[in-house]
C-alpha atoms as a PDB file:
ATOM      1  CA  MET A   1     -18.513 -22.668  22.350  1.00  0.00           C
ATOM      2  CA  ILE A   2     -19.948 -22.144  18.884  1.00  0.00           C
ATOM      3  CA  ASP A   3     -16.503 -21.015  17.711  1.00  0.00           C
ATOM      4  CA  VAL A   4     -14.952 -24.232  19.018  1.00  0.00           C
ATOM      5  CA  LEU A   5     -17.531 -26.378  17.213  1.00  0.00           C
ATOM      6  CA  LYS A   6     -16.977 -24.409  14.006  1.00  0.00           C
ATOM      7  CA  ASN A   7     -13.221 -24.876  14.377  1.00  0.00           C
ATOM      8  CA  ILE A   8     -13.704 -28.636  14.807  1.00  0.00           C
ATOM      9  CA  GLU A   9     -15.829 -28.785  11.642  1.00  0.00           C
ATOM     10  CA  GLU A  10     -13.134 -26.942   9.698  1.00  0.00           C
ATOM     11  CA  LEU A  11     -10.434 -29.320  10.896  1.00  0.00           C
ATOM     12  CA  GLU A  12     -12.610 -32.324  10.075  1.00  0.00           C
ATOM     13  CA  SER A  13     -13.070 -31.036   6.518  1.00  0.00           C
ATOM     14  CA  ILE A  14      -9.281 -30.899   6.140  1.00  0.00           C
ATOM     15  CA  ARG A  15      -8.893 -34.362   7.658  1.00  0.00           C
ATOM     16  CA  LYS A  16     -11.476 -35.694   5.193  1.00  0.00           C
ATOM     17  CA  LEU A  17      -9.435 -34.337   2.283  1.00  0.00           C
ATOM     18  CA  VAL A  18      -6.325 -36.021   3.662  1.00  0.00           C
ATOM     19  CA  ASP A  19      -8.156 -39.307   4.297  1.00  0.00           C
ATOM     20  CA  GLU A  20      -9.488 -39.276   0.732  1.00  0.00           C
ATOM     21  CA  GLN A  21      -5.925 -38.708  -0.465  1.00  0.00           C
ATOM     22  CA  LYS A  22      -6.845 -35.580  -2.372  1.00  0.00           C
ATOM     23  CA  PRO A  23      -4.017 -33.748  -4.140  1.00  0.00           C
ATOM     24  CA  ARG A  24      -1.927 -31.519  -1.938  1.00  0.00           C
ATOM     25  CA  TYR A  25      -2.974 -28.356  -3.799  1.00  0.00           C
ATOM     26  CA  LEU A  26      -6.647 -29.014  -2.931  1.00  0.00           C
ATOM     27  CA  ILE A  27      -5.789 -29.433   0.731  1.00  0.00           C
ATOM     28  CA  VAL A  28      -3.685 -26.274   0.692  1.00  0.00           C
ATOM     29  CA  ASP A  29      -6.507 -24.383  -1.049  1.00  0.00           C
ATOM     30  CA  GLU A  30      -8.947 -25.483   1.648  1.00  0.00           C
ATOM     31  CA  ILE A  31      -6.548 -24.427   4.410  1.00  0.00           C
ATOM     32  CA  ASN A  32      -5.916 -21.050   2.735  1.00  0.00           C
ATOM     33  CA  LYS A  33      -9.664 -20.502   2.411  1.00  0.00           C
ATOM     34  CA  LEU A  34     -10.184 -21.180   6.119  1.00  0.00           C
ATOM     35  CA  ILE A  35      -7.250 -18.942   7.063  1.00  0.00           C
ATOM     36  CA  GLY A  36      -8.728 -16.191   4.893  1.00  0.00           C
ATOM     37  CA  PHE A  37     -12.042 -16.402   6.749  1.00  0.00           C
ATOM     38  CA  LYS A  38     -10.275 -16.230  10.113  1.00  0.00           C
ATOM     39  CA  GLN A  39      -8.114 -13.302   8.967  1.00  0.00           C
ATOM     40  CA  LYS A  40     -11.230 -11.442   7.829  1.00  0.00           C
ATOM     41  CA  GLU A  41     -12.824 -11.983  11.248  1.00  0.00           C
ATOM     42  CA  VAL A  42      -9.696 -10.618  12.950  1.00  0.00           C
ATOM     43  CA  GLU A  43      -9.622  -7.540  10.685  1.00  0.00           C
ATOM     44  CA  GLU A  44     -13.312  -6.838  11.330  1.00  0.00           C
ATOM     45  CA  PHE A  45     -12.724  -7.124  15.075  1.00  0.00           C
ATOM     46  CA  GLU A  46      -9.735  -4.758  14.897  1.00  0.00           C
ATOM     47  CA  LYS A  47     -11.829  -2.199  12.990  1.00  0.00           C
ATOM     48  CA  TRP A  48     -14.580  -2.505  15.582  1.00  0.00           C
ATOM     49  CA  ALA A  49     -12.097  -2.175  18.474  1.00  0.00           C
ATOM     50  CA  GLU A  50     -10.523   0.924  16.880  1.00  0.00           C
ATOM     51  CA  ALA A  51     -13.955   2.501  16.402  1.00  0.00           C
ATOM     52  CA  GLU A  52     -14.835   1.768  20.019  1.00  0.00           C
ATOM     53  CA  SER A  53     -11.581   3.299  21.285  1.00  0.00           C
ATOM     54  CA  GLN A  54     -12.213   6.416  19.188  1.00  0.00           C
ATOM     55  CA  LYS A  55     -15.743   6.568  20.561  1.00  0.00           C
ATOM     56  CA  ASP A  56     -14.353   6.324  24.104  1.00  0.00           C
ATOM     57  CA  ALA A  57     -11.932   9.166  23.376  1.00  0.00           C
ATOM     58  CA  TYR A  58     -14.761  11.408  22.185  1.00  0.00           C
ATOM     59  CA  VAL A  59     -16.845  10.533  25.228  1.00  0.00           C
ATOM     60  CA  SER A  60     -13.880  11.416  27.462  1.00  0.00           C
ATOM     61  CA  GLY A  61     -13.912  14.939  26.074  1.00  0.00           C
ATOM     62  CA  TYR A  62     -10.769  14.918  23.947  1.00  0.00           C
ATOM     63  CA  SER A  63     -10.725  17.287  20.979  1.00  0.00           C
ATOM     64  CA  ASP A  64     -10.256  16.055  17.416  1.00  0.00           C
ATOM     65  CA  GLU A  65      -6.715  17.464  17.393  1.00  0.00           C
ATOM     66  CA  HIS A  66      -5.845  15.744  20.677  1.00  0.00           C
ATOM     67  CA  ILE A  67      -7.148  12.403  19.370  1.00  0.00           C
ATOM     68  CA  LYS A  68      -5.124  12.889  16.179  1.00  0.00           C
ATOM     69  CA  GLN A  69      -1.991  13.551  18.219  1.00  0.00           C
ATOM     70  CA  MET A  70      -2.606  10.560  20.492  1.00  0.00           C
ATOM     71  CA  THR A  71      -2.999   8.197  17.544  1.00  0.00           C
ATOM     72  CA  ASP A  72      -0.160   9.616  15.410  1.00  0.00           C
ATOM     73  CA  PRO A  73       3.044   7.627  16.058  1.00  0.00           C
ATOM     74  CA  LYS A  74       5.132  10.492  14.643  1.00  0.00           C
ATOM     75  CA  HIS A  75       3.754  13.010  17.118  1.00  0.00           C
ATOM     76  CA  ASN A  76       6.496  14.560  19.215  1.00  0.00           C
ATOM     77  CA  GLN A  77       5.258  16.217  22.371  1.00  0.00           C
ATOM     78  CA  TRP A  78       8.436  18.296  22.653  1.00  0.00           C
ATOM     79  CA  GLY A  79       8.161  20.003  19.265  1.00  0.00           C
ATOM     80  CA  SER A  80      10.790  20.273  16.566  1.00  0.00           C
ATOM     81  CA  ALA A  81      13.645  20.740  19.049  1.00  0.00           C
ATOM     82  CA  GLY A  82      13.110  17.277  20.509  1.00  0.00           C
ATOM     83  CA  GLU A  83      13.140  16.299  24.148  1.00  0.00           C
ATOM     84  CA  PRO A  84      14.882  18.841  26.377  1.00  0.00           C
ATOM     85  CA  LYS A  85      18.315  17.918  27.656  1.00  0.00           C
ATOM     86  CA  LYS A  86      18.405  16.691  31.174  1.00  0.00           C
ATOM     87  CA  THR A  87      20.748  18.733  33.315  1.00  0.00           C
ATOM     88  CA  ARG A  88      22.003  17.540  36.616  1.00  0.00           C
ATOM     89  CA  VAL A  89      21.200  19.934  39.379  1.00  0.00           C
ATOM     90  CA  GLN A  90      23.145  19.390  42.587  1.00  0.00           C
END
């Protein structure tokens, strides 16, 4: 609920600038400032979530190498030869 009230205050500050017929660049600066604050909050949350997921992986008993492989998008579980060919057995 606090977030909603804060969001309302931010929007009211922008509306005040518009009502006072402030120059467009001032309004845009205010909006960019508010977006920057929100983006920073998102980035901090993502860092926290990543740290928590790493913590969960360590608690689960995964080794450092296993965690590295799980988080590496380039990791190929089949090795340098790639995924084995599927043969049809009848």
